[in-house]
Structures are given as structure tokens and as C-alpha cells.
Amino acid sequence: MKLTSLVSSLTALASICSAAATTKAVPASVTFDNNRRFLFDTDGRQIDAYGAKINNFNGKYYLYGNSFSETGVAYGIKSYSSVDLVSWQYEGFLFDPSGKNNPCAGSGGCGRPHIVFNANTKTYVLWANAGAPGYAVATSKAPTGPFVFEAHRALIDPAFDNLNPADFSVEVINGEGFIVFSALNFRDPRAGDVWPPIFQNMHVSKLTADFMNTTRQSWPVVSSANDLIDNEAESPEIFKVGSTYYVAASNTCGYCNGSIALLYRSNSIQGPWTRQILEGYSCNGQLEGVLPLTNPTTGNVTNIWHSTTVPGGPRTGFSGHTFQPLIFNTDGSAKNLDCSSTATFPVEFTKGNGSVAAGNATKAGDATPALAVYSPVCDSDSFILYQTWTASKSGTIKSVSVNVARGVQTVPLSLTVFKLSSINDLFTPEYKWTPLGSSSCFANQTSYTFDTVTVPLINATVSQGELLGFRLQGADYSPWCHLEFDTKEEACAGNFRLFQQGQGQYSWRGLQGKNSPVYERQGKSVKFFATYA
């Protein structure tokens, strides 16, 4: 063999080995718990995706769900990607929600979207609930779109043509496509004035080979009891473990703060099905999907129960997510969900391809902990807030960003960033701080979820250890909302301190006339981050 041929062969072999090395499954681990319910993207914004599903496409994890930030109700579908299930990068809308050919403007709002990949056509197929008849279907060559809606609707079993198709899931199992759906019956004579207002039950069908329609033949997913629990089942997910088919679901809930967690199992999609109640309130959530995670070392698959958690009421945009593994018994049944506040769930899984995503928040110089337990607080009608922290390094701060959510405001939200010489300055009358920058925004410049409001700073040079702060102010009949965490639960109690001043309170208080109108909100801090030049 000539030397040049030998070199070419060795180079080709090295290339093949290198490619194999880069595609080798890499083990990773993630720990879920029942308290950290808010997810944020790498720019620090609350993940705006509900009725969500996580898929693994082409070696990367994608989270899809309905956006509530724009209008307060379901408006389009957003996508996020991650390789480690912790750092999520925003990938945008799957399609233009205001487009002329968008069927999502009607009843249903493209609710609970699901995507499957057809390996034969190399096409991603999006299914969405957008009112009768059947389901809206769109296709794309990429997992993040843009998706183009088909002219046809995917129709369900004609036996249910007079009912409203509702919550559903589509999934590929061993190369075959399946849909499990519920059908709403608003005319059932058994419906009550208080509850239940409707009846619905679930059915499973196969998909056509292109995954863009159903075979229009279905089988009921119902237990031998065939009772009110079976007839109020919704938000389903279908998956398979070994030779057993499973349908996970909840009872009629509609983005509420908890319903029965259901798990049906059968050796055939045609039934019969055995039903379990895994938890009475689904850990204050409602099922969104089941995420299979594979341990590359052992090959074992852990199926993760994924729920939306919402506070109830109209603010669906304030919802979060919880995850925990399903643990199966030898008979195919599953153990009950663990809803205790102290529960943690470490899971080994296959890391996605590529680098961990980074953004404004992950690269911030000063920031409250990304994985703290954050809770919504809506009290700008009652308090002016002063958040303080110490600079972690010397340099120039470019901006400070705070997570806020709108309601129906007429008064702008005002943020001012400043320097202090000591905490006592806040309690001292006639004190004047060193301003670093300020910004104001109206409701139409913010969103219904916890997006970030940013204050740009000019010539804001700071020294390590210097005391900094910002004022959050916006009195209105409809309060602005922000996020807070308990500093006692994090190793940063001395670095982040929050103070409050009652609206309209600008004078001494107390019997001795020595109480400042500014006082500490003990053990609390506002979520924020500061970027350095």
C-alpha cells in the first residue's frame, strides 16, 4: 500500500472513531423534588409552556407547551431545548400564533400539543386540540419548526363525531403510532348542576402509517368498575413497559390545583384495563406526560411522571412543573406517588448531544440561586420593596433583571438600581443613595408570566463587597407580581436581604417615634440577576 493511501485510510479510520466517540451515550444525573416547581430558561425567564410534554428527538430533549404569557390564556405553542434537563434554551413559537392559517384561534387554542417523529418520512408531526372536528395536524422537518398546518383534520372514531374531542396524547411505540383521547359529552342526562358538569371517557386508536390521522377505530380505556372515575378521565399519556401498555391520566380538572392520579394497564390496547389510583391530588397537579429516561450504563428505563402544578383560578400562567419516577411492582402495578415535601428523586439518564445551553442568567455575575424554591408574591399595591445584595466582584454592571408578571395595570412598574454604604442607610431619614440606573414599564411591555424586566445601567462601576440594591415600586388596584425565595433554605442569607415600606408610609412609627417605615421582610429575597461587562 502506498504511504498516501495508508495515511488516507488512517485518517478516515480516525474520523470514524472520532464520530463514534462524539455519539457515545454519556451518563448524566438529575434530581427532581416536589418543591422547585418553577422552571426557567437560560435567560432567566419563566418557562412559558403548559399542558407540556418533553420529547427526546435526535439526542436532545425538547419541551413543548401552550403559551399563556401573551394573552393570559392559551396562545400558540412554545418550545425549549436542553441536554441536561436543567438548563433550558428558548427555541421560540412552533408557528406564528397570529398567522392567517392558524387554526388555534378557535375553540381549544391548540391545547395540550404533542409531537411525534416519523422515521420513514423524516417528518415531525404536531397534533393539537383546536376544537371539533378531530385534531389539528401540522408538519415540520425540524423539531422546533416552523410547523405548517395541514388542510385536513385528523378525525377520530366516527362513533364520537357528535362529541367534542378533548385532551389527548400521541406516541410512537415500537414503530407504531397511537393516540389516546377523551371525548366530551355535554349532553349526557346524568350531568349535574354542581358536579360533574360533563362526562368524558378515554379511547385509544392506532395512527395511520404517516402519523397524520387515526384509523378511526378505537377501544375504550375503562376499568371493570366503569364508574364516575372512568367517566371523568382526561389529560392522558400512553406508553409501554415490557409487554404491558399503560395509560396515565387524571380526572376532570382543567389546570386546577390537583386531581386524582390514574394509571391503567393492559396487555393489549383493546383491553381489558386494570385501574389504579396513584394519588388523591396528584401532588397538587395534573398529569402532563410521562418521560422515559434511559440509563446508558445499565440500559434501564425510568418513566418520569410529569405534572403541571397550578394555584387554581385564572392565573394558569403561574403554574409550574413537578417530576418523579414511576416505580413498578412485579405484577405490573405501580407504587403510589410520593407527595411529601422532603422527597427527592435522583435519576440517571442519557445526556443529550451538544453543550449545555447558556444565556444572560447563567452567565450573570450576581444572581439569586437558579434552583431555589421560588413562589409568586403579588403585593405592589401594599408595599415598596428594596432588594439588597453585595457585589461578588469588581467591575462594571451592565444591567439588572427582575422576574415580574403583569395583571391589569394602569400604573407603570418602576425599578431603580442604587449603591448603599450600609443597610442602616435604608432606616435613616433624608438619606440619599447613589443612583446607578432606573427604568419604568407599562403592562403592555410585560407579560402574564414571570418574564424579566431589565434596567440598563451606564457607568455603573462597583467594587467587590460593595452594597447594592434596587427599588421595586408600582402601586395599582391590580398589583404587579414578582418571585421570592426563602434565604434560610439557601447558603446566601447574608448576601440577599429584602426590605419593605408600606405604600404611603413616609414617617416615623411606634409609641416612641423611633420605628422606621422601612423594615426587613425576614428571610426573603426577590429573584433577580445582574450582568457585568
Protein backbone atom coordinates (compact mmCIF):
# COMPACT_ATOMS: atom_id res chain seq x y z
CA MET A 1 0.00 0.00 0.00
CA LYS A 2 1.31 3.47 -0.86
CA LEU A 3 2.10 5.81 2.02
CA THR A 4 -0.51 8.32 0.85
CA SER A 5 -3.18 5.58 0.77
CA LEU A 6 -2.15 4.40 4.21
CA VAL A 7 -2.37 7.94 5.58
CA SER A 8 -5.78 8.41 3.95
CA SER A 9 -7.01 5.14 5.43
CA LEU A 10 -5.75 6.01 8.90
CA THR A 11 -7.26 9.48 8.64
CA ALA A 12 -10.61 8.02 7.62
CA LEU A 13 -10.42 5.50 10.46
CA ALA A 14 -9.61 8.27 12.94
CA SER A 15 -12.56 10.26 11.63
CA ILE A 16 -14.87 7.30 12.10
CA CYS A 17 -13.55 6.70 15.63
CA SER A 18 -13.94 10.39 16.45
CA ALA A 19 -17.52 10.39 15.18
CA ALA A 20 -18.27 7.29 17.21
CA ALA A 21 -16.82 8.93 20.29
CA THR A 22 -18.97 12.03 19.90
CA THR A 23 -22.17 9.98 19.57
CA LYS A 24 -21.41 7.67 22.50
CA ALA A 25 -24.14 7.78 25.14
CA VAL A 26 -22.94 9.92 28.03
CA PRO A 27 -24.36 9.25 31.51
CA ALA A 28 -25.83 12.15 33.42
CA SER A 29 -27.92 12.63 36.52
CA VAL A 30 -30.70 14.96 37.60
CA THR A 31 -32.53 15.28 40.89
CA PHE A 32 -36.20 16.22 40.96
CA ASP A 33 -38.16 17.27 44.05
CA ASN A 34 -41.68 18.37 44.94
CA ASN A 35 -40.81 21.95 45.88
CA ARG A 36 -38.93 23.50 42.94
CA ARG A 37 -41.91 23.88 40.65
CA PHE A 38 -40.91 26.84 38.50
CA LEU A 39 -38.66 26.19 35.51
CA PHE A 40 -36.61 28.99 33.92
CA ASP A 41 -34.79 29.32 30.64
CA THR A 42 -31.14 30.32 30.35
CA ASP A 43 -32.14 34.00 30.10
CA GLY A 44 -33.86 33.78 33.48
CA ARG A 45 -37.45 33.85 32.19
CA GLN A 46 -40.11 31.51 33.50
CA ILE A 47 -40.69 28.67 31.05
CA ASP A 48 -43.98 29.54 29.39
CA ALA A 49 -45.34 26.13 28.36
CA TYR A 50 -48.32 24.37 29.94
CA GLY A 51 -50.10 21.18 29.13
CA ALA A 52 -46.49 20.38 28.33
CA LYS A 53 -44.68 17.31 27.02
CA ILE A 54 -40.95 16.53 26.92
CA ASN A 55 -39.63 14.51 23.97
CA ASN A 56 -36.19 13.21 23.10
CA PHE A 57 -35.60 13.92 19.41
CA ASN A 58 -32.27 13.24 17.72
CA GLY A 59 -30.40 13.06 21.01
CA LYS A 60 -31.80 16.24 22.58
CA TYR A 61 -34.66 16.95 24.96
CA TYR A 62 -37.45 19.28 23.84
CA LEU A 63 -40.23 20.72 26.00
CA TYR A 64 -43.42 21.84 24.22
CA GLY A 65 -46.48 23.53 25.66
CA ASN A 66 -49.10 26.25 25.38
CA SER A 67 -48.01 29.84 25.95
CA PHE A 68 -50.00 31.88 28.47
CA SER A 69 -47.72 34.91 28.62
CA GLU A 70 -49.19 36.85 25.70
CA THR A 71 -52.92 36.89 26.47
CA GLY A 72 -53.37 35.13 29.80
CA VAL A 73 -54.98 32.16 28.03
CA ALA A 74 -53.54 29.53 25.67
CA TYR A 75 -52.00 31.32 22.70
CA GLY A 76 -49.73 29.33 20.42
CA ILE A 77 -47.13 26.70 21.31
CA LYS A 78 -43.60 27.40 22.55
CA SER A 79 -40.57 25.11 22.54
CA TYR A 80 -37.46 24.79 24.68
CA SER A 81 -34.41 22.51 24.37
CA SER A 82 -31.99 21.01 26.88
CA VAL A 83 -29.21 18.44 27.08
CA ASP A 84 -29.24 18.09 30.90
CA LEU A 85 -32.94 18.65 31.82
CA VAL A 86 -31.85 21.65 33.92
CA SER A 87 -30.61 24.35 31.51
CA TRP A 88 -33.41 25.09 29.06
CA GLN A 89 -32.90 27.24 25.96
CA TYR A 90 -35.88 29.04 24.48
CA GLU A 91 -36.45 27.96 20.86
CA GLY A 92 -39.47 30.15 20.04
CA PHE A 93 -43.00 29.52 18.82
CA LEU A 94 -43.56 26.44 16.67
CA PHE A 95 -45.61 28.60 14.28
CA ASP A 96 -46.88 32.17 14.13
CA PRO A 97 -49.88 32.15 16.52
CA SER A 98 -51.33 35.19 14.75
CA GLY A 99 -50.96 33.69 11.26
CA LYS A 100 -53.87 33.53 8.84
CA ASN A 101 -53.70 29.74 8.50
CA ASN A 102 -53.58 29.16 12.24
CA PRO A 103 -56.50 27.00 13.47
CA CYS A 104 -55.58 27.69 17.09
CA ALA A 105 -57.55 30.92 17.33
CA GLY A 106 -60.76 28.93 17.70
CA SER A 107 -62.08 26.73 20.47
CA GLY A 108 -59.37 24.81 22.27
CA GLY A 109 -56.47 27.14 21.48
CA CYS A 110 -54.29 24.24 20.28
CA GLY A 111 -54.39 22.73 23.75
CA ARG A 112 -52.01 20.07 25.12
CA PRO A 113 -49.81 19.78 22.00
CA HIS A 114 -47.95 16.56 21.21
CA ILE A 115 -45.29 15.83 18.59
CA VAL A 116 -44.18 12.52 17.09
CA PHE A 117 -41.37 11.83 14.65
CA ASN A 118 -41.99 9.67 11.59
CA ALA A 119 -38.70 7.90 10.84
CA ASN A 120 -39.88 6.85 7.37
CA THR A 121 -40.83 10.33 6.16
CA LYS A 122 -38.26 12.15 8.34
CA THR A 123 -41.09 14.43 9.44
CA TYR A 124 -42.12 15.83 12.81
CA VAL A 125 -45.89 15.73 13.19
CA LEU A 126 -47.62 18.10 15.61
CA TRP A 127 -51.08 17.24 16.96
CA ALA A 128 -53.14 19.85 18.82
CA ASN A 129 -56.63 20.20 20.24
CA ALA A 130 -58.22 23.09 18.33
CA GLY A 131 -61.93 22.32 18.56
CA ALA A 132 -64.08 19.95 16.53
CA PRO A 133 -63.82 18.06 14.29
CA GLY A 134 -60.91 15.86 15.36
CA TYR A 135 -57.46 17.35 15.91
CA ALA A 136 -55.33 19.92 14.06
CA VAL A 137 -52.19 18.46 12.45
CA ALA A 138 -49.03 20.28 11.33
CA THR A 139 -45.67 19.10 10.00
CA SER A 140 -42.07 20.26 10.03
CA LYS A 141 -38.62 18.95 9.10
CA ALA A 142 -37.20 20.28 12.38
CA PRO A 143 -38.30 19.66 15.98
CA THR A 144 -38.64 23.40 16.65
CA GLY A 145 -40.48 24.24 13.44
CA PRO A 146 -41.73 26.18 11.71
CA PHE A 147 -44.73 23.85 11.56
CA VAL A 148 -47.23 24.15 8.71
CA PHE A 149 -50.81 23.07 9.34
CA GLU A 150 -52.41 20.55 7.04
CA ALA A 151 -55.70 21.27 5.31
CA HIS A 152 -57.26 18.15 6.77
CA ARG A 153 -58.17 17.37 10.35
CA ALA A 154 -57.16 14.09 11.99
CA LEU A 155 -60.55 12.50 12.64
CA ILE A 156 -61.41 10.18 15.50
CA ASP A 157 -63.73 7.18 15.65
CA PRO A 158 -66.99 8.21 13.93
CA ALA A 159 -68.88 6.89 16.95
CA PHE A 160 -67.83 10.13 18.67
CA ASP A 161 -68.46 12.56 15.81
CA ASN A 162 -71.18 14.28 17.84
CA LEU A 163 -68.90 14.80 20.84
CA ASN A 164 -66.09 17.26 21.40
CA PRO A 165 -62.57 15.76 21.10
CA ALA A 166 -60.59 16.90 24.11
CA ASP A 167 -57.38 16.04 25.98
CA PHE A 168 -55.21 13.51 24.17
CA SER A 169 -51.72 12.16 23.61
CA VAL A 170 -49.98 10.70 20.57
CA GLU A 171 -46.99 8.41 20.91
CA VAL A 172 -44.84 6.03 18.87
CA ILE A 173 -44.45 2.57 20.44
CA ASN A 174 -42.25 0.03 18.65
CA GLY A 175 -42.63 1.94 15.38
CA GLU A 176 -46.44 2.17 15.56
CA GLY A 177 -48.33 5.38 16.21
CA PHE A 178 -51.08 5.55 18.85
CA ILE A 179 -53.49 8.17 20.12
CA VAL A 180 -55.39 8.06 23.40
CA PHE A 181 -58.09 10.71 23.64
CA SER A 182 -61.09 11.74 25.67
CA ALA A 183 -64.43 12.83 24.20
CA LEU A 184 -66.55 15.43 26.00
CA ASN A 185 -70.27 14.74 26.30
CA PHE A 186 -72.07 17.94 27.25
CA ARG A 187 -75.49 16.42 26.62
CA ASP A 188 -75.29 13.45 28.94
CA PRO A 189 -78.53 13.48 31.03
CA ARG A 190 -76.55 12.41 34.11
CA ALA A 191 -74.63 15.71 34.22
CA GLY A 192 -75.26 17.66 37.42
CA ASP A 193 -75.69 21.34 38.21
CA VAL A 194 -72.69 21.31 40.55
CA TRP A 195 -70.59 18.30 39.51
CA PRO A 196 -69.82 16.67 37.23
CA PRO A 197 -70.87 19.23 34.59
CA ILE A 198 -69.73 16.92 31.79
CA PHE A 199 -68.96 13.28 31.19
CA GLN A 200 -65.96 12.04 29.27
CA ASN A 201 -64.04 8.81 28.92
CA MET A 202 -60.90 7.77 27.13
CA HIS A 203 -60.35 5.74 23.98
CA VAL A 204 -57.23 4.51 22.19
CA SER A 205 -56.70 4.22 18.42
CA LYS A 206 -53.83 3.43 16.10
CA LEU A 207 -52.47 6.12 13.80
CA THR A 208 -52.09 5.78 10.06
CA ALA A 209 -48.61 4.99 8.75
CA ASP A 210 -47.80 8.68 8.16
CA PHE A 211 -48.88 9.55 11.76
CA MET A 212 -51.20 12.22 10.38
CA ASN A 213 -54.57 10.61 11.01
CA THR A 214 -56.24 7.86 13.00
CA THR A 215 -57.57 4.57 11.68
CA ARG A 216 -60.96 5.76 13.03
CA GLN A 217 -61.30 2.55 15.03
CA SER A 218 -61.00 2.85 18.79
CA TRP A 219 -61.22 0.87 22.01
CA PRO A 220 -62.30 2.25 25.39
CA VAL A 221 -59.80 2.73 28.18
CA VAL A 222 -62.09 1.85 31.06
CA SER A 223 -61.83 -0.37 34.13
CA SER A 224 -64.26 -3.09 35.19
CA ALA A 225 -65.82 -0.54 37.58
CA ASN A 226 -66.92 1.71 34.67
CA ASP A 227 -67.75 4.36 37.26
CA LEU A 228 -67.58 8.13 37.54
CA ILE A 229 -63.78 7.98 37.87
CA ASP A 230 -63.52 6.25 34.48
CA ASN A 231 -66.06 8.67 33.03
CA GLU A 232 -64.12 11.78 34.07
CA ALA A 233 -60.66 10.72 32.90
CA GLU A 234 -58.60 13.21 30.88
CA SER A 235 -55.05 14.54 30.15
CA PRO A 236 -53.90 11.04 29.12
CA GLU A 237 -50.50 9.66 28.18
CA ILE A 238 -49.77 6.26 26.64
CA PHE A 239 -46.54 4.26 26.98
CA LYS A 240 -45.35 0.67 27.20
CA VAL A 241 -43.13 -1.21 29.63
CA GLY A 242 -42.20 -4.72 28.52
CA SER A 243 -45.39 -6.30 27.20
CA THR A 244 -47.72 -4.03 29.19
CA TYR A 245 -49.46 -0.96 27.80
CA TYR A 246 -50.09 1.88 30.24
CA VAL A 247 -52.39 4.88 30.05
CA ALA A 248 -51.69 7.53 32.68
CA ALA A 249 -54.35 10.16 33.28
CA SER A 250 -56.08 12.44 35.75
CA ASN A 251 -59.70 13.24 36.48
CA THR A 252 -61.52 16.30 35.15
CA CYS A 253 -59.53 19.25 36.38
CA GLY A 254 -58.79 21.92 33.76
CA TYR A 255 -55.49 23.39 35.03
CA CYS A 256 -56.66 23.14 38.64
CA ASN A 257 -54.57 22.56 41.75
CA GLY A 258 -54.85 18.79 41.86
CA SER A 259 -56.95 15.79 40.83
CA ILE A 260 -56.82 12.01 41.08
CA ALA A 261 -53.73 10.46 39.50
CA LEU A 262 -54.77 7.44 37.42
CA LEU A 263 -52.81 4.60 35.84
CA TYR A 264 -54.44 1.97 33.62
CA ARG A 265 -52.59 -1.14 32.42
CA SER A 266 -53.35 -3.88 29.91
CA ASN A 267 -51.53 -6.44 27.77
CA SER A 268 -53.47 -5.15 24.74
CA ILE A 269 -54.58 -1.72 23.61
CA GLN A 270 -58.01 -3.31 23.17
CA GLY A 271 -58.18 -4.02 26.90
CA PRO A 272 -59.35 -5.11 29.37
CA TRP A 273 -57.75 -2.43 31.55
CA THR A 274 -56.87 -2.55 35.23
CA ARG A 275 -57.05 0.81 37.02
CA GLN A 276 -55.00 2.24 39.86
CA ILE A 277 -55.33 5.49 41.79
CA LEU A 278 -51.75 6.56 42.43
CA GLU A 279 -52.54 9.66 44.50
CA GLY A 280 -55.63 11.58 45.55
CA TYR A 281 -54.49 15.04 44.37
CA SER A 282 -51.54 14.24 42.07
CA CYS A 283 -49.24 16.20 44.40
CA ASN A 284 -51.35 19.31 43.72
CA GLY A 285 -51.04 18.98 39.97
CA GLN A 286 -52.43 17.43 36.82
CA LEU A 287 -50.64 14.97 34.57
CA GLU A 288 -48.88 16.43 31.52
CA GLY A 289 -46.96 13.42 30.26
CA VAL A 290 -44.61 10.54 31.01
CA LEU A 291 -40.94 10.99 30.07
CA PRO A 292 -38.82 7.84 29.55
CA LEU A 293 -35.19 8.31 30.59
CA THR A 294 -32.59 5.66 29.78
CA ASN A 295 -29.57 4.96 31.97
CA PRO A 296 -26.82 4.38 29.35
CA THR A 297 -24.76 2.31 31.78
CA THR A 298 -27.45 -0.24 32.68
CA GLY A 299 -29.94 0.23 29.84
CA ASN A 300 -32.73 0.58 32.41
CA VAL A 301 -35.57 2.96 31.55
CA THR A 302 -37.11 5.19 34.21
CA ASN A 303 -40.54 6.58 33.34
CA ILE A 304 -41.00 10.05 34.82
CA TRP A 305 -44.47 11.26 35.80
CA HIS A 306 -44.66 14.94 34.74
CA SER A 307 -47.37 17.24 36.12
CA THR A 308 -48.45 20.83 35.70
CA THR A 309 -48.96 22.46 39.09
CA VAL A 310 -51.20 25.49 39.19
CA PRO A 311 -52.60 27.57 42.02
CA GLY A 312 -56.18 27.32 40.78
CA GLY A 313 -58.17 30.27 39.49
CA PRO A 314 -57.47 32.22 36.31
CA ARG A 315 -53.68 32.58 36.59
CA THR A 316 -52.71 29.45 34.70
CA GLY A 317 -49.54 31.28 33.70
CA PHE A 318 -48.32 30.98 37.29
CA SER A 319 -48.20 27.21 37.01
CA GLY A 320 -45.07 25.14 37.46
CA HIS A 321 -43.98 21.55 36.89
CA THR A 322 -43.18 18.54 39.05
CA PHE A 323 -41.41 15.32 38.08
CA GLN A 324 -41.00 11.98 39.82
CA PRO A 325 -40.22 8.43 38.69
CA LEU A 326 -42.86 5.74 38.45
CA ILE A 327 -41.77 2.65 40.38
CA PHE A 328 -43.32 -0.59 39.16
CA ASN A 329 -44.08 -3.74 41.13
CA THR A 330 -43.51 -7.26 39.77
CA ASP A 331 -47.21 -7.62 38.86
CA GLY A 332 -47.06 -4.53 36.60
CA SER A 333 -48.78 -2.21 39.04
CA ALA A 334 -47.04 0.97 40.20
CA LYS A 335 -46.33 2.32 43.65
CA ASN A 336 -48.20 5.41 44.80
CA LEU A 337 -46.74 8.82 44.05
CA ASP A 338 -44.73 10.41 46.85
CA CYS A 339 -46.07 13.90 47.50
CA SER A 340 -44.08 14.64 50.64
CA SER A 341 -42.33 18.00 50.73
CA THR A 342 -38.99 16.40 51.61
CA ALA A 343 -38.98 13.85 48.78
CA THR A 344 -36.13 13.96 46.26
CA PHE A 345 -35.82 11.80 43.17
CA PRO A 346 -32.31 11.32 41.70
CA VAL A 347 -32.41 9.80 38.21
CA GLU A 348 -29.59 8.59 35.97
CA PHE A 349 -30.20 9.26 32.28
CA THR A 350 -28.53 9.77 28.93
CA LYS A 351 -27.15 13.25 28.44
CA GLY A 352 -28.29 14.98 25.29
CA ASN A 353 -25.98 15.82 22.42
CA GLY A 354 -24.15 19.13 22.44
CA SER A 355 -23.11 21.64 25.06
CA VAL A 356 -25.20 22.79 27.99
CA ALA A 357 -27.05 25.94 26.94
CA ALA A 358 -26.04 29.30 28.41
CA GLY A 359 -27.73 32.68 28.48
CA ASN A 360 -27.96 36.02 30.24
CA ALA A 361 -28.96 34.45 33.55
CA THR A 362 -26.48 31.58 33.55
CA LYS A 363 -23.63 33.98 32.75
CA ALA A 364 -24.70 36.64 35.28
CA GLY A 365 -22.11 37.98 37.71
CA ASP A 366 -24.56 38.30 40.63
CA ALA A 367 -27.75 36.24 40.83
CA THR A 368 -30.12 34.62 43.26
CA PRO A 369 -29.85 30.80 43.13
CA ALA A 370 -31.17 29.36 39.87
CA LEU A 371 -32.57 26.26 41.61
CA ALA A 372 -34.10 27.92 44.67
CA VAL A 373 -37.75 27.28 45.53
CA TYR A 374 -39.49 30.37 44.13
CA SER A 375 -43.05 31.43 44.95
CA PRO A 376 -45.26 34.16 43.42
CA VAL A 377 -45.89 37.26 45.53
CA CYS A 378 -48.34 39.95 44.38
CA ASP A 379 -48.23 42.91 46.76
CA SER A 380 -47.04 46.04 44.92
CA ASP A 381 -50.37 47.62 45.89
CA SER A 382 -49.29 47.41 49.54
CA PHE A 383 -45.50 47.67 49.59
CA ILE A 384 -42.48 49.30 48.02
CA LEU A 385 -39.64 46.75 48.03
CA TYR A 386 -35.89 47.28 48.44
CA GLN A 387 -33.75 44.30 47.44
CA THR A 388 -30.10 44.42 48.51
CA TRP A 389 -27.01 42.32 47.82
CA THR A 390 -23.22 42.62 47.87
CA ALA A 391 -21.22 42.75 44.65
CA SER A 392 -19.41 39.46 44.05
CA LYS A 393 -16.58 41.12 42.15
CA SER A 394 -15.22 44.44 40.99
CA GLY A 395 -16.24 45.68 37.58
CA THR A 396 -18.96 47.40 35.65
CA ILE A 397 -22.55 46.18 35.93
CA LYS A 398 -24.38 46.39 32.61
CA SER A 399 -27.93 45.61 33.76
CA VAL A 400 -30.18 44.22 36.48
CA SER A 401 -33.10 41.95 35.56
CA VAL A 402 -36.09 41.06 37.76
CA ASN A 403 -38.85 38.50 37.14
CA VAL A 404 -42.25 40.20 37.18
CA ALA A 405 -45.72 39.36 35.89
CA ARG A 406 -48.48 41.71 34.92
CA GLY A 407 -52.16 41.79 35.73
CA VAL A 408 -54.38 44.64 34.56
CA GLN A 409 -52.27 47.65 35.49
CA THR A 410 -52.65 51.32 34.63
CA VAL A 411 -49.65 52.45 36.69
CA PRO A 412 -46.15 51.63 35.38
CA LEU A 413 -43.71 49.45 37.28
CA SER A 414 -40.65 51.42 38.36
CA LEU A 415 -37.18 49.96 39.11
CA THR A 416 -34.22 51.94 40.39
CA VAL A 417 -30.76 50.45 40.99
CA PHE A 418 -28.53 52.11 43.59
CA LYS A 419 -25.48 51.89 45.88
CA LEU A 420 -25.60 51.99 49.70
CA SER A 421 -22.90 52.43 52.29
CA SER A 422 -24.73 50.22 54.81
CA ILE A 423 -28.11 48.63 55.48
CA ASN A 424 -28.76 51.31 58.10
CA ASP A 425 -29.00 53.84 55.27
CA LEU A 426 -32.47 52.46 54.50
CA PHE A 427 -33.62 53.36 58.02
CA THR A 428 -32.09 56.83 58.02
CA PRO A 429 -34.34 59.81 57.23
CA GLU A 430 -33.14 62.17 54.49
CA TYR A 431 -30.59 59.62 53.23
CA LYS A 432 -29.81 59.84 49.51
CA TRP A 433 -28.33 56.82 47.75
CA THR A 434 -26.01 56.74 44.72
CA PRO A 435 -28.24 56.02 41.69
CA LEU A 436 -26.92 53.61 39.05
CA GLY A 437 -29.90 53.48 36.69
CA SER A 438 -33.68 53.33 36.51
CA SER A 439 -36.43 52.11 34.20
CA SER A 440 -40.22 52.08 34.00
CA CYS A 441 -42.54 49.82 32.07
CA PHE A 442 -46.29 49.60 31.46
CA ALA A 443 -48.38 46.46 31.44
CA ASN A 444 -48.24 46.11 27.64
CA GLN A 445 -44.45 45.91 27.88
CA THR A 446 -44.57 42.89 30.19
CA SER A 447 -46.32 39.51 30.18
CA TYR A 448 -48.76 37.39 32.19
CA THR A 449 -45.93 35.04 33.24
CA PHE A 450 -42.69 35.78 35.09
CA ASP A 451 -40.66 37.25 32.26
CA THR A 452 -37.72 39.54 33.04
CA VAL A 453 -37.80 43.32 33.24
CA THR A 454 -34.31 44.74 32.70
CA VAL A 455 -32.77 48.00 33.92
CA PRO A 456 -29.82 49.05 31.73
CA LEU A 457 -27.02 50.76 33.68
CA ILE A 458 -24.47 53.33 32.47
CA ASN A 459 -21.03 53.71 34.06
CA ALA A 460 -22.07 51.53 37.00
CA THR A 461 -18.63 50.69 38.34
CA VAL A 462 -18.66 48.68 41.57
CA SER A 463 -16.10 47.14 43.91
CA GLN A 464 -16.22 43.62 45.30
CA GLY A 465 -18.17 43.56 48.55
CA GLU A 466 -19.91 46.88 47.85
CA LEU A 467 -23.56 47.04 48.94
CA LEU A 468 -26.03 47.35 46.07
CA GLY A 469 -29.80 47.35 45.76
CA PHE A 470 -32.86 48.07 43.68
CA ARG A 471 -36.28 49.50 44.44
CA LEU A 472 -39.38 47.80 43.02
CA GLN A 473 -42.41 50.09 43.02
CA GLY A 474 -45.78 50.02 41.27
CA ALA A 475 -48.90 50.78 43.36
CA ASP A 476 -52.11 49.92 41.50
CA TYR A 477 -55.50 48.31 42.09
CA SER A 478 -54.12 45.26 40.30
CA PRO A 479 -50.73 44.51 41.90
CA TRP A 480 -47.63 43.58 39.98
CA CYS A 481 -46.24 40.15 40.90
CA HIS A 482 -42.66 39.02 41.49
CA LEU A 483 -40.90 35.87 42.70
CA GLU A 484 -39.39 35.31 46.14
CA PHE A 485 -37.41 32.54 47.81
CA ASP A 486 -36.56 31.70 51.42
CA THR A 487 -32.95 32.69 52.08
CA LYS A 488 -32.85 30.42 55.14
CA GLU A 489 -33.00 27.46 52.75
CA GLU A 490 -30.01 28.66 50.72
CA ALA A 491 -26.37 29.32 51.61
CA CYS A 492 -26.69 33.03 50.91
CA ALA A 493 -28.75 34.52 53.75
CA GLY A 494 -26.24 37.28 54.39
CA ASN A 495 -25.87 38.25 50.75
CA PHE A 496 -29.51 38.78 49.75
CA ARG A 497 -31.81 40.80 52.01
CA LEU A 498 -35.24 42.23 51.23
CA PHE A 499 -36.84 45.28 52.86
CA GLN A 500 -40.34 46.69 52.57
CA GLN A 501 -42.08 50.01 53.06
CA GLY A 502 -45.84 50.35 53.25
CA GLN A 503 -47.33 52.34 50.42
CA GLY A 504 -47.77 55.93 51.54
CA GLN A 505 -45.72 55.43 54.73
CA TYR A 506 -43.01 58.10 54.89
CA SER A 507 -42.76 59.00 58.58
CA TRP A 508 -41.58 57.58 61.93
CA ARG A 509 -43.75 54.92 63.59
CA GLY A 510 -44.17 53.48 67.10
CA LEU A 511 -45.01 54.81 70.56
CA GLN A 512 -41.53 56.22 70.95
CA GLY A 513 -41.49 57.66 67.42
CA LYS A 514 -38.38 55.63 66.58
CA ASN A 515 -39.70 52.94 64.23
CA SER A 516 -38.66 53.35 60.60
CA PRO A 517 -41.34 52.92 57.92
CA VAL A 518 -38.79 50.64 56.22
CA TYR A 519 -38.24 47.22 57.78
CA GLU A 520 -36.92 43.82 56.72
CA ARG A 521 -39.01 41.10 55.13
CA GLN A 522 -37.26 38.49 57.20
CA GLY A 523 -35.59 35.59 55.36
CA LYS A 524 -36.87 36.55 51.91
CA SER A 525 -35.33 37.71 48.65
CA VAL A 526 -36.64 38.73 45.23
CA LYS A 527 -35.44 36.68 42.25
CA PHE A 528 -33.07 38.74 40.09
CA PHE A 529 -29.70 38.71 38.32
CA ALA A 530 -27.08 41.30 37.41
CA THR A 531 -24.80 41.11 34.38
CA TYR A 532 -21.27 42.53 34.27
CA ALA A 533 -19.46 44.00 31.29
